[in-house]
Amino acid sequence: MNLLYKFRSYPFLSRKIILSLIVVTIVAALIQIWVVNRLSTYGEQIISLEKSANVLELENKVLRNKLDKASSLKEINILARNLGFESIKKIEYLQDIGIALNK
């Protein structure tokens, strides 16, 4: 009751409150419009980025498949034979001759 009495005794105070509420409402509406506009323009950019990410993921899968195929034992065996490597028939190794050993 006391608060209501203060507003009646100061009519310019209630006008200031009403005007400030109107200004705050208008500013909030303008901010809302700006945010919606920005989100719509960023939405197109997000869709474009998602498409390019999907293309890159597909390319990654293709490259992973090529890498798996190239690193398979069969492919490595064929490549080694083409380069002149062959399987070992007799194992040769060097024997320890005892040089520079603490005996």
Protein backbone atom coordinates (compact mmCIF):
# COMPACT_ATOMS: atom_id res chain seq x y z
CA MET A 1 0.00 0.00 0.00
CA ASN A 2 2.85 2.33 0.82
CA LEU A 3 4.44 1.79 -2.62
CA LEU A 4 1.19 2.54 -4.39
CA TYR A 5 0.87 5.77 -2.46
CA LYS A 6 4.38 6.83 -3.58
CA PHE A 7 3.46 6.33 -7.23
CA ARG A 8 0.33 8.42 -6.87
CA SER A 9 2.22 11.23 -5.22
CA TYR A 10 4.87 11.27 -7.99
CA PRO A 11 3.08 10.98 -11.36
CA PHE A 12 6.24 11.76 -13.35
CA LEU A 13 7.88 8.68 -11.75
CA SER A 14 5.24 6.34 -13.17
CA ARG A 15 5.67 7.97 -16.60
CA LYS A 16 9.41 7.40 -16.41
CA ILE A 17 8.87 3.75 -15.52
CA ILE A 18 6.40 3.26 -18.37
CA LEU A 19 8.67 5.05 -20.86
CA SER A 20 11.71 3.08 -19.72
CA LEU A 21 9.73 -0.19 -20.08
CA ILE A 22 8.69 0.81 -23.60
CA VAL A 23 12.30 1.66 -24.51
CA VAL A 24 13.57 -1.62 -23.07
CA THR A 25 10.88 -3.53 -25.00
CA ILE A 26 11.79 -1.79 -28.28
CA VAL A 27 15.50 -2.41 -27.73
CA ALA A 28 14.82 -6.08 -26.92
CA ALA A 29 12.70 -6.45 -30.06
CA LEU A 30 15.46 -4.89 -32.20
CA ILE A 31 18.04 -7.20 -30.68
CA GLN A 32 15.77 -10.18 -31.32
CA ILE A 33 15.35 -9.17 -34.99
CA TRP A 34 19.12 -8.74 -35.36
CA VAL A 35 19.84 -12.14 -33.79
CA VAL A 36 17.34 -13.92 -36.03
CA ASN A 37 18.83 -12.21 -39.08
CA ARG A 38 22.37 -13.21 -38.10
CA LEU A 39 21.32 -16.80 -37.42
CA SER A 40 19.69 -17.10 -40.83
CA THR A 41 22.82 -15.89 -42.61
CA TYR A 42 25.04 -18.10 -40.50
CA GLY A 43 22.73 -21.02 -41.20
CA GLU A 44 23.69 -20.94 -44.87
CA GLN A 45 27.37 -20.89 -43.96
CA ILE A 46 26.88 -23.79 -41.55
CA ILE A 47 25.15 -25.84 -44.26
CA SER A 48 28.02 -25.11 -46.65
CA LEU A 49 30.58 -26.16 -44.05
CA GLU A 50 28.65 -29.36 -43.29
CA LYS A 51 28.60 -30.24 -47.01
CA SER A 52 32.33 -29.71 -47.34
CA ALA A 53 32.91 -31.76 -44.16
CA ASN A 54 30.88 -34.62 -45.66
CA VAL A 55 32.92 -34.45 -48.87
CA LEU A 56 36.16 -34.53 -46.88
CA GLU A 57 34.95 -37.50 -44.81
CA LEU A 58 34.13 -39.42 -47.99
CA GLU A 59 37.53 -38.56 -49.46
CA ASN A 60 39.16 -39.72 -46.21
CA LYS A 61 37.39 -43.07 -46.46
CA VAL A 62 38.51 -43.53 -50.07
CA LEU A 63 42.10 -42.67 -49.16
CA ARG A 64 42.01 -45.01 -46.15
CA ASN A 65 40.82 -47.83 -48.43
CA LYS A 66 43.63 -47.11 -50.91
CA LEU A 67 46.17 -47.07 -48.08
CA ASP A 68 44.86 -50.36 -46.68
CA LYS A 69 45.08 -51.96 -50.10
CA ALA A 70 48.59 -50.62 -50.76
CA SER A 71 49.85 -51.78 -47.36
CA SER A 72 48.43 -55.28 -47.62
CA LEU A 73 50.94 -58.15 -47.58
CA LYS A 74 49.97 -59.29 -51.06
CA GLU A 75 50.63 -55.85 -52.58
CA ILE A 76 53.92 -55.50 -50.69
CA ASN A 77 55.00 -58.96 -51.91
CA ILE A 78 54.22 -58.05 -55.54
CA LEU A 79 56.06 -54.74 -55.23
CA ALA A 80 59.09 -56.42 -53.63
CA ARG A 81 59.30 -58.98 -56.43
CA ASN A 82 59.07 -56.20 -59.03
CA LEU A 83 61.98 -54.44 -57.30
CA GLY A 84 64.13 -57.58 -57.41
CA PHE A 85 63.71 -58.91 -53.90
CA GLU A 86 63.25 -62.64 -53.47
CA SER A 87 62.66 -65.00 -50.60
CA ILE A 88 65.66 -66.17 -48.60
CA LYS A 89 66.90 -69.65 -49.44
CA LYS A 90 69.97 -69.76 -47.19
CA ILE A 91 70.39 -67.58 -44.12
CA GLU A 92 73.81 -65.97 -43.82
CA TYR A 93 75.10 -64.16 -40.77
CA LEU A 94 78.37 -62.84 -39.41
CA GLN A 95 80.03 -64.64 -36.57
CA ASP A 96 81.43 -62.82 -33.58
CA ILE A 97 85.21 -62.60 -33.93
CA GLY A 98 85.85 -61.10 -30.52
CA ILE A 99 87.35 -57.75 -31.52
CA ALA A 100 86.85 -54.91 -29.04
CA LEU A 101 85.33 -57.22 -26.48
CA ASN A 102 86.41 -57.27 -22.87
CA LYS A 103 87.75 -60.80 -22.45
